[in-house]
N, C-alpha and C. Protein backbone atom coordinates (compact mmCIF):
# COMPACT_ATOMS: atom_id res chain seq x y z
N MET A 1 227.47 82.72 -88.40
CA MET A 1 228.45 81.96 -88.37
C MET A 1 229.30 82.44 -87.33
N SER A 2 230.04 81.48 -86.40
CA SER A 2 230.44 81.80 -84.89
C SER A 2 231.00 82.53 -84.72
N ASP A 3 231.43 83.04 -83.22
CA ASP A 3 232.76 84.36 -83.21
C ASP A 3 233.89 83.47 -83.82
N ASN A 4 234.18 82.75 -84.24
CA ASN A 4 235.49 82.17 -84.07
C ASN A 4 235.20 81.45 -86.32
N GLY A 5 234.22 81.61 -86.42
CA GLY A 5 233.79 81.31 -87.76
C GLY A 5 234.79 82.07 -88.69
N ASN A 6 235.41 82.85 -88.47
CA ASN A 6 236.16 83.53 -89.59
C ASN A 6 237.75 83.25 -89.36
N LEU A 7 238.34 82.18 -88.47
CA LEU A 7 239.21 81.84 -88.16
C LEU A 7 239.60 80.24 -89.17
N LEU A 8 240.93 80.14 -89.50
CA LEU A 8 241.08 79.07 -89.85
C LEU A 8 242.68 78.30 -89.75
N CYS A 9 242.98 77.17 -89.31
CA CYS A 9 244.22 76.83 -89.15
C CYS A 9 244.52 75.88 -89.57
N VAL A 10 245.92 75.73 -90.09
CA VAL A 10 246.44 74.73 -90.72
C VAL A 10 247.25 73.86 -89.85
N LEU A 11 246.87 72.52 -89.49
CA LEU A 11 247.80 71.62 -88.62
C LEU A 11 248.25 70.64 -89.17
N GLY A 12 249.31 69.98 -88.27
CA GLY A 12 250.03 68.75 -89.05
C GLY A 12 250.90 68.95 -88.54
N ALA A 13 252.07 67.37 -88.40
CA ALA A 13 253.34 67.22 -88.21
C ALA A 13 253.78 68.47 -88.86
N MET A 14 255.42 68.11 -88.48
CA MET A 14 256.52 68.63 -89.40
C MET A 14 256.52 68.13 -90.91
N LYS A 15 257.19 68.40 -92.09
CA LYS A 15 257.44 67.33 -92.93
C LYS A 15 255.68 66.83 -93.70
N THR A 16 254.31 67.59 -93.17
CA THR A 16 253.45 66.95 -93.79
C THR A 16 252.89 67.80 -95.12
N ALA A 17 253.62 68.90 -95.20
CA ALA A 17 253.26 69.67 -96.62
C ALA A 17 252.34 70.49 -95.90
N THR A 18 252.39 71.13 -94.51
CA THR A 18 251.69 72.39 -93.68
C THR A 18 252.32 73.63 -94.32
N THR A 19 253.70 73.80 -94.91
CA THR A 19 253.56 75.66 -94.91
C THR A 19 252.92 75.25 -96.61
N SER A 20 253.45 74.34 -97.71
CA SER A 20 252.72 74.46 -98.80
C SER A 20 251.30 74.90 -98.52
N MET A 21 250.31 74.03 -97.54
CA MET A 21 249.18 74.22 -97.19
C MET A 21 248.89 75.79 -96.95
N CYS A 22 249.72 76.60 -96.27
CA CYS A 22 249.78 77.83 -95.89
C CYS A 22 249.73 78.28 -97.39
N GLY A 23 250.89 78.38 -98.10
CA GLY A 23 251.17 78.98 -99.11
C GLY A 23 249.20 78.73 -99.93
N LEU A 24 248.99 77.77 -100.12
CA LEU A 24 248.01 77.30 -101.19
C LEU A 24 246.54 78.32 -100.24
N VAL A 25 246.28 78.45 -98.96
CA VAL A 25 245.52 78.75 -98.70
C VAL A 25 245.41 80.87 -98.95
N ASN A 26 246.86 81.11 -98.87
CA ASN A 26 247.30 82.43 -99.24
C ASN A 26 246.94 82.90 -100.10
N SER A 27 246.79 81.64 -101.02
CA SER A 27 246.53 82.79 -102.57
C SER A 27 245.28 83.33 -103.05
N HIS A 28 244.50 82.84 -101.89
CA HIS A 28 243.19 84.33 -102.16
C HIS A 28 243.70 85.25 -101.10
N PRO A 29 243.47 86.57 -101.69
CA PRO A 29 243.23 87.51 -101.35
C PRO A 29 242.57 87.97 -100.37
N ASP A 30 241.68 87.56 -99.93
CA ASP A 30 240.53 87.52 -98.50
C ASP A 30 241.02 86.72 -97.70
N VAL A 31 242.59 85.84 -97.69
CA VAL A 31 242.62 84.92 -96.40
C VAL A 31 244.13 85.42 -96.13
N PHE A 32 244.16 85.18 -94.81
CA PHE A 32 245.49 85.91 -94.47
C PHE A 32 246.09 84.30 -93.03
N VAL A 33 246.37 83.52 -93.37
CA VAL A 33 247.07 82.33 -92.66
C VAL A 33 248.25 82.87 -92.20
N MET A 34 249.29 82.93 -91.36
CA MET A 34 250.51 83.03 -90.81
C MET A 34 250.81 81.90 -90.77
N CYS A 35 252.44 82.20 -90.48
CA CYS A 35 253.04 80.80 -90.82
C CYS A 35 253.91 80.61 -89.08
N GLU A 36 253.11 79.97 -88.89
CA GLU A 36 253.99 79.71 -87.38
C GLU A 36 254.09 80.77 -86.57
N VAL A 37 253.61 81.66 -86.54
CA VAL A 37 253.51 82.98 -85.16
C VAL A 37 253.41 82.44 -84.26
N ILE A 38 252.28 82.00 -83.85
CA ILE A 38 251.97 81.26 -82.49
C ILE A 38 251.59 82.50 -81.69
N LEU A 39 250.12 83.03 -81.77
CA LEU A 39 250.08 83.98 -80.93
C LEU A 39 249.32 83.25 -79.41
N ASN A 40 249.86 84.24 -78.25
CA ASN A 40 249.69 83.66 -76.78
C ASN A 40 251.28 82.84 -76.49
N SER A 41 252.17 82.98 -77.25
CA SER A 41 253.04 82.88 -76.89
C SER A 41 253.98 83.22 -75.50
N ASN A 42 253.32 84.36 -75.23
CA ASN A 42 254.39 85.53 -74.27
C ASN A 42 255.34 85.93 -75.15
N CYS A 43 256.37 85.29 -75.60
CA CYS A 43 257.79 85.60 -76.31
C CYS A 43 257.74 85.67 -77.84
N PRO A 44 257.65 86.11 -78.40
CA PRO A 44 257.15 86.49 -80.44
C PRO A 44 258.38 85.41 -80.40
N GLY A 45 258.17 84.40 -81.42
CA GLY A 45 259.54 83.87 -82.10
C GLY A 45 259.85 84.65 -83.20
N ARG A 46 260.52 83.97 -84.74
CA ARG A 46 261.30 84.57 -85.48
C ARG A 46 260.06 85.24 -85.85
N TRP A 47 258.96 84.24 -86.65
CA TRP A 47 257.98 84.88 -87.44
C TRP A 47 257.02 85.78 -87.33
N GLY A 48 256.57 85.33 -85.29
CA GLY A 48 256.20 86.94 -84.36
C GLY A 48 256.70 88.10 -84.83
N ARG A 49 258.44 87.91 -84.38
CA ARG A 49 258.95 89.49 -84.62
C ARG A 49 258.91 90.02 -85.73
N ARG A 50 258.90 89.46 -86.62
CA ARG A 50 258.41 89.93 -88.11
C ARG A 50 256.96 91.18 -87.85
N LEU A 51 256.60 90.02 -87.46
CA LEU A 51 254.89 90.83 -87.91
C LEU A 51 254.87 91.77 -86.91
N VAL A 52 255.36 91.83 -85.60
CA VAL A 52 255.04 93.07 -84.47
C VAL A 52 255.72 94.01 -85.23
N LYS A 53 257.23 94.00 -85.98
CA LYS A 53 257.65 94.96 -86.36
C LYS A 53 257.19 95.84 -87.41
N ALA A 54 256.50 94.78 -87.93
CA ALA A 54 255.47 95.80 -89.48
C ALA A 54 253.98 96.67 -88.82
N HIS A 55 253.34 95.27 -87.82
CA HIS A 55 252.16 95.69 -87.20
C HIS A 55 252.73 95.61 -85.33
N PRO A 56 252.77 97.14 -85.08
CA PRO A 56 253.38 96.84 -83.42
C PRO A 56 251.79 96.49 -82.95
N ASN A 57 250.86 97.39 -83.30
CA ASN A 57 249.73 96.70 -83.10
C ASN A 57 249.41 95.30 -82.11
N THR A 58 250.21 94.29 -83.04
CA THR A 58 249.74 93.24 -82.69
C THR A 58 250.42 92.51 -81.53
N LEU A 59 251.09 93.50 -81.01
CA LEU A 59 252.19 92.49 -79.88
C LEU A 59 251.20 92.13 -78.24
N PRO A 60 250.14 93.20 -78.20
CA PRO A 60 249.16 92.72 -77.11
C PRO A 60 248.58 91.54 -77.42
N LEU A 61 248.19 90.81 -78.55
CA LEU A 61 248.01 89.55 -79.14
C LEU A 61 249.27 88.56 -78.80
N PHE A 62 250.48 88.45 -78.32
CA PHE A 62 251.31 87.55 -77.89
C PHE A 62 251.06 87.08 -76.36
N PHE A 63 250.02 87.77 -75.77
CA PHE A 63 249.54 87.74 -74.15
C PHE A 63 248.35 87.65 -74.05
N THR A 64 248.37 86.75 -73.00
CA THR A 64 246.91 86.24 -72.53
C THR A 64 246.78 85.97 -71.19
N SER A 65 245.28 86.03 -70.79
CA SER A 65 245.00 85.66 -69.71
C SER A 65 244.90 84.34 -69.17
N ARG A 66 244.41 83.61 -68.20
CA ARG A 66 244.29 82.45 -67.93
C ARG A 66 242.98 81.81 -67.95
N SER A 67 242.44 83.37 -67.96
CA SER A 67 240.88 82.59 -68.01
C SER A 67 240.71 82.98 -70.02
N ALA A 68 240.82 83.29 -70.62
CA ALA A 68 240.70 83.45 -71.70
C ALA A 68 241.09 82.58 -72.64
N ALA A 69 240.36 82.61 -73.98
CA ALA A 69 240.27 81.36 -74.62
C ALA A 69 241.17 81.44 -75.88
N TYR A 70 241.62 80.44 -75.78
CA TYR A 70 243.10 80.03 -77.12
C TYR A 70 242.77 81.28 -77.77
N LEU A 71 242.00 80.97 -78.42
CA LEU A 71 241.24 81.69 -79.92
C LEU A 71 241.24 83.19 -79.82
N THR A 72 241.20 83.65 -78.82
CA THR A 72 240.84 85.02 -78.34
C THR A 72 241.64 86.08 -78.94
N ASN A 73 242.64 85.97 -79.01
CA ASN A 73 244.05 86.70 -79.54
C ASN A 73 243.85 86.43 -81.16
N TYR A 74 243.62 85.40 -81.74
CA TYR A 74 243.14 85.40 -83.43
C TYR A 74 241.77 85.75 -83.41
N ARG A 75 241.16 85.82 -82.38
CA ARG A 75 239.62 86.68 -83.14
C ARG A 75 240.14 87.85 -83.35
N ARG A 76 240.96 88.63 -82.08
CA ARG A 76 241.61 89.62 -82.15
C ARG A 76 242.27 90.18 -83.41
N ALA A 77 243.02 89.48 -83.69
CA ALA A 77 244.18 89.79 -84.95
C ALA A 77 242.70 89.76 -86.28
N TYR A 78 242.24 88.57 -86.44
CA TYR A 78 241.22 88.59 -87.72
C TYR A 78 240.39 90.19 -87.26
N GLN A 79 239.95 90.88 -86.42
CA GLN A 79 239.83 91.86 -86.75
C GLN A 79 240.20 93.19 -86.41
N TYR A 80 241.67 93.30 -86.33
CA TYR A 80 242.47 93.88 -86.58
C TYR A 80 242.41 93.79 -87.96
N PHE A 81 243.12 93.28 -88.58
CA PHE A 81 243.53 93.08 -90.06
C PHE A 81 242.49 93.33 -90.85
N ALA A 82 241.49 92.63 -90.87
CA ALA A 82 240.12 92.79 -91.46
C ALA A 82 239.72 94.33 -91.77
N SER A 83 239.69 94.81 -90.63
CA SER A 83 239.42 96.24 -90.57
C SER A 83 240.37 97.44 -91.39
N HIS A 84 241.66 96.36 -91.86
CA HIS A 84 242.36 97.32 -92.69
C HIS A 84 242.40 96.74 -94.19
N GLY A 85 241.30 95.50 -94.44
CA GLY A 85 241.27 95.07 -95.57
C GLY A 85 241.63 94.22 -95.97
N HIS A 86 242.50 92.90 -94.81
CA HIS A 86 242.72 91.77 -94.80
C HIS A 86 242.99 90.67 -94.16
N GLY A 87 242.31 89.77 -95.27
CA GLY A 87 242.23 88.90 -94.54
C GLY A 87 240.66 88.78 -94.34
N ARG A 88 240.03 89.35 -95.10
CA ARG A 88 238.15 89.62 -94.43
C ARG A 88 237.56 88.46 -94.09
N SER A 89 238.05 87.08 -95.05
CA SER A 89 237.14 85.92 -94.83
C SER A 89 237.40 84.91 -94.31
N TYR A 90 239.05 85.02 -94.03
CA TYR A 90 239.77 84.07 -92.77
C TYR A 90 240.96 84.56 -92.55
N PHE A 91 241.05 84.52 -91.44
CA PHE A 91 242.48 85.21 -90.66
C PHE A 91 242.91 83.53 -89.60
N GLY A 92 244.68 83.07 -89.85
CA GLY A 92 244.57 81.88 -89.13
C GLY A 92 246.33 81.73 -88.81
N ASP A 93 246.94 80.74 -88.73
CA ASP A 93 247.90 80.51 -88.08
C ASP A 93 248.84 79.09 -88.86
N LYS A 94 249.51 78.72 -88.97
CA LYS A 94 250.09 77.20 -89.47
C LYS A 94 250.59 76.88 -88.22
N ILE A 95 250.29 75.67 -87.68
CA ILE A 95 250.99 74.98 -86.43
C ILE A 95 251.13 73.55 -87.18
N ALA A 96 252.84 73.48 -86.65
CA ALA A 96 253.10 72.32 -87.00
C ALA A 96 254.07 71.39 -86.32
N THR A 97 253.13 70.87 -85.21
CA THR A 97 253.24 70.06 -83.79
C THR A 97 252.68 69.07 -84.37
N ILE A 98 253.37 67.96 -82.85
CA ILE A 98 252.29 66.30 -82.63
C ILE A 98 251.82 66.81 -81.62
N ASP A 99 251.73 68.19 -80.84
CA ASP A 99 251.18 68.05 -79.26
C ASP A 99 249.83 67.92 -79.55
N SER A 100 249.35 67.45 -78.27
CA SER A 100 247.85 67.15 -77.97
C SER A 100 247.23 68.10 -77.62
N GLY A 101 245.90 68.03 -77.49
CA GLY A 101 245.12 69.15 -76.51
C GLY A 101 244.66 70.64 -78.02
N PHE A 102 245.06 70.28 -78.95
CA PHE A 102 244.15 71.17 -79.71
C PHE A 102 243.19 71.14 -80.52
N ALA A 103 242.14 70.04 -80.03
CA ALA A 103 240.78 69.96 -80.57
C ALA A 103 240.16 71.15 -79.53
N LYS A 104 240.00 70.78 -78.31
CA LYS A 104 239.66 71.66 -77.22
C LYS A 104 240.01 72.94 -77.79
N ARG A 105 241.24 73.33 -77.87
CA ARG A 105 241.41 75.34 -78.01
C ARG A 105 240.89 75.31 -79.25
N MET A 106 240.90 74.75 -80.36
CA MET A 106 239.98 75.16 -81.94
C MET A 106 238.58 75.41 -81.77
N GLN A 107 238.13 75.17 -80.56
CA GLN A 107 236.32 74.94 -80.58
C GLN A 107 236.11 74.84 -82.14
N ASP A 108 235.41 75.86 -82.31
CA ASP A 108 234.98 76.25 -83.77
C ASP A 108 235.41 76.78 -84.69
N ALA A 109 236.39 76.71 -85.11
CA ALA A 109 237.41 77.50 -86.17
C ALA A 109 237.18 76.05 -87.08
N ARG A 110 237.61 76.75 -88.25
CA ARG A 110 237.92 76.01 -89.53
C ARG A 110 239.30 75.04 -89.20
N VAL A 111 239.67 73.88 -89.61
CA VAL A 111 241.21 73.88 -89.58
C VAL A 111 241.02 72.35 -90.76
N ILE A 112 242.19 72.76 -91.72
CA ILE A 112 243.02 72.11 -92.57
C ILE A 112 244.07 71.19 -91.63
N PHE A 113 243.69 69.62 -91.86
CA PHE A 113 244.69 69.07 -91.28
C PHE A 113 245.52 68.34 -92.10
N CYS A 114 246.87 68.38 -92.18
CA CYS A 114 247.31 67.97 -93.45
C CYS A 114 248.34 66.36 -92.59
N VAL A 115 248.48 65.11 -93.23
CA VAL A 115 248.84 64.11 -92.54
C VAL A 115 250.09 63.41 -93.57
N ARG A 116 250.32 63.16 -93.10
CA ARG A 116 251.54 61.97 -94.08
C ARG A 116 251.65 60.02 -93.46
N SER A 117 251.92 59.55 -94.35
CA SER A 117 252.37 58.06 -94.40
C SER A 117 253.13 58.37 -92.98
N LEU A 118 252.85 57.21 -91.95
CA LEU A 118 253.76 57.23 -90.70
C LEU A 118 254.96 56.90 -91.27
N PRO A 119 255.06 55.56 -92.22
CA PRO A 119 256.89 55.04 -92.50
C PRO A 119 257.05 56.24 -92.85
N GLU A 120 256.76 56.92 -94.09
CA GLU A 120 257.43 57.71 -94.73
C GLU A 120 258.00 58.90 -93.67
N TRP A 121 257.51 59.12 -92.62
CA TRP A 121 257.36 60.52 -91.88
C TRP A 121 258.70 59.97 -91.09
N VAL A 122 258.55 58.79 -89.94
CA VAL A 122 259.51 58.54 -89.57
C VAL A 122 260.71 58.30 -90.34
N ALA A 123 260.81 58.24 -91.81
CA ALA A 123 262.34 57.98 -91.90
C ALA A 123 262.33 59.14 -93.22
N LYS A 124 262.52 60.28 -92.49
CA LYS A 124 262.30 61.78 -93.16
C LYS A 124 263.61 61.83 -92.48
N ASP A 125 264.63 62.54 -92.38
CA ASP A 125 266.45 63.19 -92.11
C ASP A 125 265.79 64.04 -91.33
N SER A 126 264.91 65.16 -91.87
CA SER A 126 264.29 66.38 -91.29
C SER A 126 263.58 66.02 -89.92
N VAL A 127 263.29 65.25 -89.64
CA VAL A 127 262.10 64.35 -89.09
C VAL A 127 262.95 63.90 -87.45
N ARG A 128 264.29 62.80 -88.33
CA ARG A 128 265.08 62.51 -87.18
C ARG A 128 266.10 63.32 -86.73
N ALA A 129 266.59 64.32 -87.65
CA ALA A 129 267.05 65.62 -86.81
C ALA A 129 266.77 66.04 -86.02
N HIS A 130 265.10 66.35 -85.98
CA HIS A 130 264.30 66.98 -84.95
C HIS A 130 264.15 66.61 -83.88
N TYR A 131 263.64 65.26 -83.90
CA TYR A 131 262.88 64.18 -82.59
C TYR A 131 264.55 62.69 -82.60
N PRO A 132 264.34 63.05 -81.17
CA PRO A 132 265.64 61.65 -80.96
C PRO A 132 264.86 60.16 -81.24
N LEU A 133 264.53 60.10 -82.22
CA LEU A 133 263.93 58.70 -82.94
C LEU A 133 264.78 57.74 -82.18
N ASP A 134 266.40 57.66 -82.68
CA ASP A 134 267.14 56.53 -82.38
C ASP A 134 267.26 56.19 -80.76
N ALA A 135 266.90 56.98 -79.91
CA ALA A 135 266.75 57.05 -78.64
C ALA A 135 266.02 56.12 -78.30
N ASN A 136 264.19 56.16 -78.92
CA ASN A 136 263.21 55.66 -78.92
C ASN A 136 262.02 56.31 -79.65
N ILE A 137 261.82 55.36 -80.64
CA ILE A 137 261.03 55.93 -81.52
C ILE A 137 259.54 55.50 -81.15
N ALA A 138 259.27 54.78 -80.47
CA ALA A 138 257.43 54.38 -80.05
C ALA A 138 257.11 56.54 -79.63
N PRO A 139 257.48 56.76 -78.17
CA PRO A 139 256.86 57.37 -78.15
C PRO A 139 256.38 58.31 -78.96
N PHE A 140 257.34 58.73 -80.23
CA PHE A 140 257.01 59.58 -81.30
C PHE A 140 256.08 59.05 -82.26
N VAL A 141 256.20 58.10 -82.62
CA VAL A 141 255.47 57.24 -83.16
C VAL A 141 253.62 56.88 -82.64
N VAL A 142 253.58 56.89 -81.72
CA VAL A 142 252.75 56.91 -80.44
C VAL A 142 252.24 58.24 -80.41
N GLN A 143 252.59 59.52 -80.33
CA GLN A 143 252.12 60.48 -80.54
C GLN A 143 251.42 60.87 -81.49
N TYR A 144 252.40 60.80 -82.81
CA TYR A 144 252.16 61.41 -84.29
C TYR A 144 250.51 60.35 -84.02
N CYS A 145 250.45 59.63 -83.93
CA CYS A 145 249.06 58.94 -83.93
C CYS A 145 248.08 59.34 -83.20
N LYS A 146 248.24 59.78 -81.83
CA LYS A 146 247.50 60.36 -81.26
C LYS A 146 247.22 61.79 -81.92
N HIS A 147 247.79 62.31 -82.29
CA HIS A 147 247.52 63.65 -82.79
C HIS A 147 246.61 63.54 -83.98
N PHE A 148 246.87 62.69 -84.53
CA PHE A 148 245.94 62.83 -86.34
C PHE A 148 244.88 61.89 -85.91
N LEU A 149 244.56 60.87 -84.85
CA LEU A 149 243.06 60.78 -84.38
C LEU A 149 242.45 61.80 -83.21
N GLU A 150 243.05 62.62 -82.83
CA GLU A 150 242.61 63.82 -82.04
C GLU A 150 241.98 64.77 -83.36
N SER A 151 242.32 64.46 -84.09
CA SER A 151 241.96 65.22 -85.49
C SER A 151 240.21 65.52 -85.57
N PHE A 152 239.98 63.98 -85.44
CA PHE A 152 238.65 64.05 -85.76
C PHE A 152 237.36 64.44 -84.81
N LEU A 153 238.16 65.00 -84.27
CA LEU A 153 237.17 65.54 -82.53
C LEU A 153 237.07 66.80 -83.05
N LEU A 154 237.58 67.23 -84.19
CA LEU A 154 237.38 68.68 -84.45
C LEU A 154 235.75 68.74 -85.29
N ASP A 155 235.24 69.71 -85.12
CA ASP A 155 233.70 69.99 -85.88
C ASP A 155 233.84 69.96 -87.27
N ARG A 156 234.72 71.41 -87.14
CA ARG A 156 234.80 71.44 -89.06
C ARG A 156 236.38 71.33 -89.43
N VAL A 157 237.00 70.23 -90.24
CA VAL A 157 238.13 69.95 -90.66
C VAL A 157 238.20 69.12 -91.76
N TYR A 158 239.56 69.42 -92.66
CA TYR A 158 239.61 68.90 -93.77
C TYR A 158 240.67 68.29 -93.85
N HIS A 159 240.68 66.87 -94.07
CA HIS A 159 242.09 66.05 -93.87
C HIS A 159 242.56 66.32 -95.33
N VAL A 160 243.71 66.66 -95.43
CA VAL A 160 244.77 66.24 -96.60
C VAL A 160 245.91 65.62 -96.89
N ARG A 161 245.72 64.33 -97.14
CA ARG A 161 246.67 63.38 -97.29
C ARG A 161 247.66 63.59 -98.20
N MET A 162 249.31 63.64 -97.34
CA MET A 162 250.41 64.16 -98.64
C MET A 162 250.31 63.68 -100.01
N VAL A 163 250.27 62.34 -100.08
CA VAL A 163 250.05 61.63 -101.03
C VAL A 163 249.33 62.27 -102.30
N ASP A 164 248.02 62.74 -101.71
CA ASP A 164 246.68 63.43 -102.68
C ASP A 164 246.99 64.49 -102.82
N PHE A 165 247.80 65.67 -102.31
CA PHE A 165 248.44 66.78 -102.49
C PHE A 165 249.58 66.73 -103.08
N LEU A 166 250.17 66.01 -103.77
CA LEU A 166 251.89 65.70 -104.81
C LEU A 166 250.80 65.11 -105.61
N ALA A 167 250.13 64.02 -105.73
CA ALA A 167 249.39 63.11 -107.00
C ALA A 167 248.50 63.85 -107.88
N ASN A 168 247.39 64.69 -106.80
CA ASN A 168 245.97 65.24 -107.57
C ASN A 168 246.06 66.49 -106.87
N ASN A 169 246.46 67.55 -107.05
CA ASN A 169 246.83 68.57 -106.36
C ASN A 169 245.16 69.51 -106.68
N ARG A 170 245.29 69.36 -107.78
CA ARG A 170 244.07 70.15 -108.68
C ARG A 170 242.80 69.43 -107.91
N ALA A 171 242.31 68.06 -107.24
CA ALA A 171 241.55 67.70 -106.49
C ALA A 171 241.69 68.51 -105.61
N ILE A 172 242.80 68.70 -104.65
CA ILE A 172 243.01 69.55 -102.83
C ILE A 172 242.59 70.92 -103.25
N VAL A 173 243.17 71.73 -104.38
CA VAL A 173 242.73 72.79 -103.97
C VAL A 173 241.16 73.00 -104.41
N ASP A 174 240.19 72.43 -104.97
CA ASP A 174 238.92 72.11 -105.31
C ASP A 174 238.47 71.84 -103.86
N GLY A 175 239.08 70.78 -103.25
CA GLY A 175 238.05 70.66 -102.08
C GLY A 175 238.46 71.58 -101.10
N VAL A 176 239.25 72.25 -100.97
CA VAL A 176 239.97 73.29 -100.01
C VAL A 176 239.05 74.58 -100.11
N TRP A 177 239.00 74.87 -101.30
CA TRP A 177 238.17 76.08 -101.23
C TRP A 177 236.37 76.15 -101.18
N GLN A 178 236.28 75.00 -101.47
CA GLN A 178 234.69 74.21 -101.02
C GLN A 178 234.72 73.77 -99.47
N PHE A 179 235.45 73.61 -99.01
CA PHE A 179 235.27 73.88 -97.61
C PHE A 179 235.40 74.71 -97.03
N LEU A 180 236.25 76.13 -97.54
CA LEU A 180 236.07 77.16 -96.79
C LEU A 180 234.87 78.19 -97.38
N ASP A 181 234.09 77.34 -98.58
CA ASP A 181 232.74 78.22 -99.00
C ASP A 181 233.22 79.51 -99.78
N LEU A 182 234.82 79.34 -100.17
CA LEU A 182 234.92 80.50 -101.22
C LEU A 182 235.30 80.40 -102.82
N ALA A 183 235.16 81.25 -103.42
CA ALA A 183 235.54 81.40 -104.77
C ALA A 183 236.61 80.77 -105.05
N PRO A 184 237.24 80.19 -105.77
CA PRO A 184 238.70 79.67 -106.05
C PRO A 184 239.40 81.30 -106.61
N PRO A 185 240.48 81.56 -106.08
CA PRO A 185 241.20 82.67 -106.88
C PRO A 185 241.62 82.48 -107.92
N PRO A 186 241.98 83.59 -108.72
CA PRO A 186 242.04 83.26 -110.83
C PRO A 186 243.55 82.68 -110.71
N ASP A 187 244.33 82.22 -109.59
CA ASP A 187 245.71 81.41 -109.82
C ASP A 187 245.62 80.18 -109.12
N ALA A 188 244.30 79.44 -109.00
CA ALA A 188 243.71 78.52 -107.88
C ALA A 188 244.79 77.81 -108.20
N TYR A 189 244.97 76.87 -109.45
CA TYR A 189 245.87 75.91 -109.70
C TYR A 189 247.35 75.77 -110.11
N GLU A 190 247.64 77.09 -110.32
CA GLU A 190 249.23 77.53 -109.86
C GLU A 190 249.70 78.32 -108.49
N TRP A 191 248.67 77.94 -107.33
CA TRP A 191 249.20 78.83 -106.38
C TRP A 191 250.45 79.25 -105.88
N TRP A 192 251.18 78.40 -106.59
CA TRP A 192 252.55 78.60 -105.64
C TRP A 192 253.26 79.49 -105.97
N GLN A 193 253.03 79.60 -107.82
CA GLN A 193 253.34 81.06 -108.33
C GLN A 193 253.16 82.46 -107.34
N THR A 194 252.06 82.81 -106.64
CA THR A 194 251.44 83.71 -105.61
C THR A 194 252.31 83.79 -104.96
N ILE A 195 253.12 82.98 -104.13
CA ILE A 195 253.66 82.93 -102.82
C ILE A 195 254.85 84.18 -102.92
N GLY A 196 255.17 84.86 -102.23
CA GLY A 196 255.81 85.88 -101.97
C GLY A 196 255.58 87.40 -102.81
N ASN A 197 254.27 87.41 -103.66
CA ASN A 197 253.53 88.35 -104.82
C ASN A 197 252.62 88.76 -104.11
N TYR A 198 252.59 89.29 -102.75
CA TYR A 198 251.44 89.82 -102.41
C TYR A 198 251.54 91.54 -101.99
N GLY A 199 252.21 91.90 -102.32
CA GLY A 199 252.26 93.33 -102.52
C GLY A 199 252.37 94.20 -101.10
N GLY A 200 253.16 95.52 -101.33
CA GLY A 200 253.99 95.81 -100.04
C GLY A 200 253.40 96.05 -99.25
N GLY A 201 251.90 96.02 -99.26
CA GLY A 201 250.72 97.37 -97.73
C GLY A 201 249.89 95.60 -97.67
N ASP A 202 250.47 93.97 -98.03
CA ASP A 202 249.91 93.15 -97.21
C ASP A 202 250.08 92.60 -96.53
N PRO A 203 250.11 92.27 -95.49
CA PRO A 203 250.95 91.56 -93.88
C PRO A 203 251.43 90.22 -94.27
N LYS A 204 250.94 89.56 -95.28
CA LYS A 204 251.63 88.25 -95.91
C LYS A 204 253.12 88.79 -96.02
N SER A 205 253.26 89.55 -96.69
CA SER A 205 255.01 89.96 -97.18
C SER A 205 255.62 90.65 -96.17
N SER A 206 254.97 90.76 -94.93
CA SER A 206 255.88 91.13 -94.04
C SER A 206 256.18 89.78 -93.37
N LEU A 207 256.17 88.95 -93.71
CA LEU A 207 256.38 87.28 -92.72
C LEU A 207 257.33 86.48 -93.67
N ASN A 208 257.31 86.51 -94.87
CA ASN A 208 258.28 86.47 -96.18
C ASN A 208 259.05 84.84 -95.21
N TRP A 209 257.80 84.24 -94.68
CA TRP A 209 258.28 82.86 -94.60
C TRP A 209 258.98 81.99 -95.40
N TRP A 210 258.37 81.78 -96.81
CA TRP A 210 258.79 81.19 -97.54
C TRP A 210 260.28 80.94 -98.11
N LYS A 211 261.05 81.84 -98.15
CA LYS A 211 262.11 82.72 -98.22
C LYS A 211 263.19 81.31 -97.21
N GLY A 212 262.40 81.00 -96.34
CA GLY A 212 263.01 79.64 -95.19
C GLY A 212 262.16 78.24 -95.64
N HIS A 213 261.49 78.27 -96.59
CA HIS A 213 260.98 77.14 -97.08
C HIS A 213 260.49 77.25 -98.56
N MET A 214 261.49 76.85 -99.15
CA MET A 214 261.72 76.97 -100.57
C MET A 214 260.81 76.03 -101.10
N SER A 215 260.96 75.48 -100.58
CA SER A 215 259.88 74.11 -101.22
C SER A 215 258.96 74.09 -101.43
N SER A 216 257.84 74.94 -100.84
CA SER A 216 256.73 75.21 -100.50
C SER A 216 255.96 76.29 -101.32
N ALA A 217 257.31 76.88 -102.08
CA ALA A 217 256.77 77.82 -103.01
C ALA A 217 257.09 77.32 -105.17
N THR A 218 257.08 76.19 -104.83
CA THR A 218 257.50 75.17 -105.92
C THR A 218 256.26 74.14 -106.43
N GLY A 219 255.58 74.02 -107.39
CA GLY A 219 254.58 73.01 -107.85
C GLY A 219 254.66 71.55 -107.16
N PRO A 220 253.70 71.10 -106.52
CA PRO A 220 253.68 69.69 -106.20
C PRO A 220 253.59 68.54 -106.97
N LYS A 221 255.37 68.20 -106.65
CA LYS A 221 255.59 67.02 -107.57
C LYS A 221 255.78 65.54 -106.81
N GLU A 222 255.54 64.39 -107.41
CA GLU A 222 255.47 63.01 -106.25
C GLU A 222 257.10 63.11 -106.48
């Protein structure tokens, strides 16, 4: 396995079920995927501050030199948490943007890429509130498509369509664990029931991202 073989990222635009996917993969006791902590950011955001408060040794992971590869700090974070018995199989982050350039940065990590029908995405009220689509929808539509197409440049990627995630979640669950080459956890098909029930010593509990994303802690429905 490569140096980045234990790194797992959940990518996709906002409102494509990326947070729910974060909950799904975190149902496995040997997987720790953070939710928009974004290492290398120089200034920890809301979830990053919670991580640093609970684990002060992670603060240096938000700073990097120009010569360091993007995944260097994620690899260091994996080593830190795995040495404490957490995320021993996979560690990573959930990043919901339509920014380009991720394929080169992700190198040989594994990526679960979530995608939603473009007409549905641009019609979503929260998307329209986040992006100024009324001013000019064209550049955002182009960037959404560009972001999706770039995912096919990744060496190890598993694409998850939101329509499938909602309509046939059992098949998606099976596909995820097969992609990660892991035996499914005991609550694999009711993964949402595990969200927030990680135990006080588990670093997943320190982020409590699910309190800001309540929909991700419910079973998928069409």
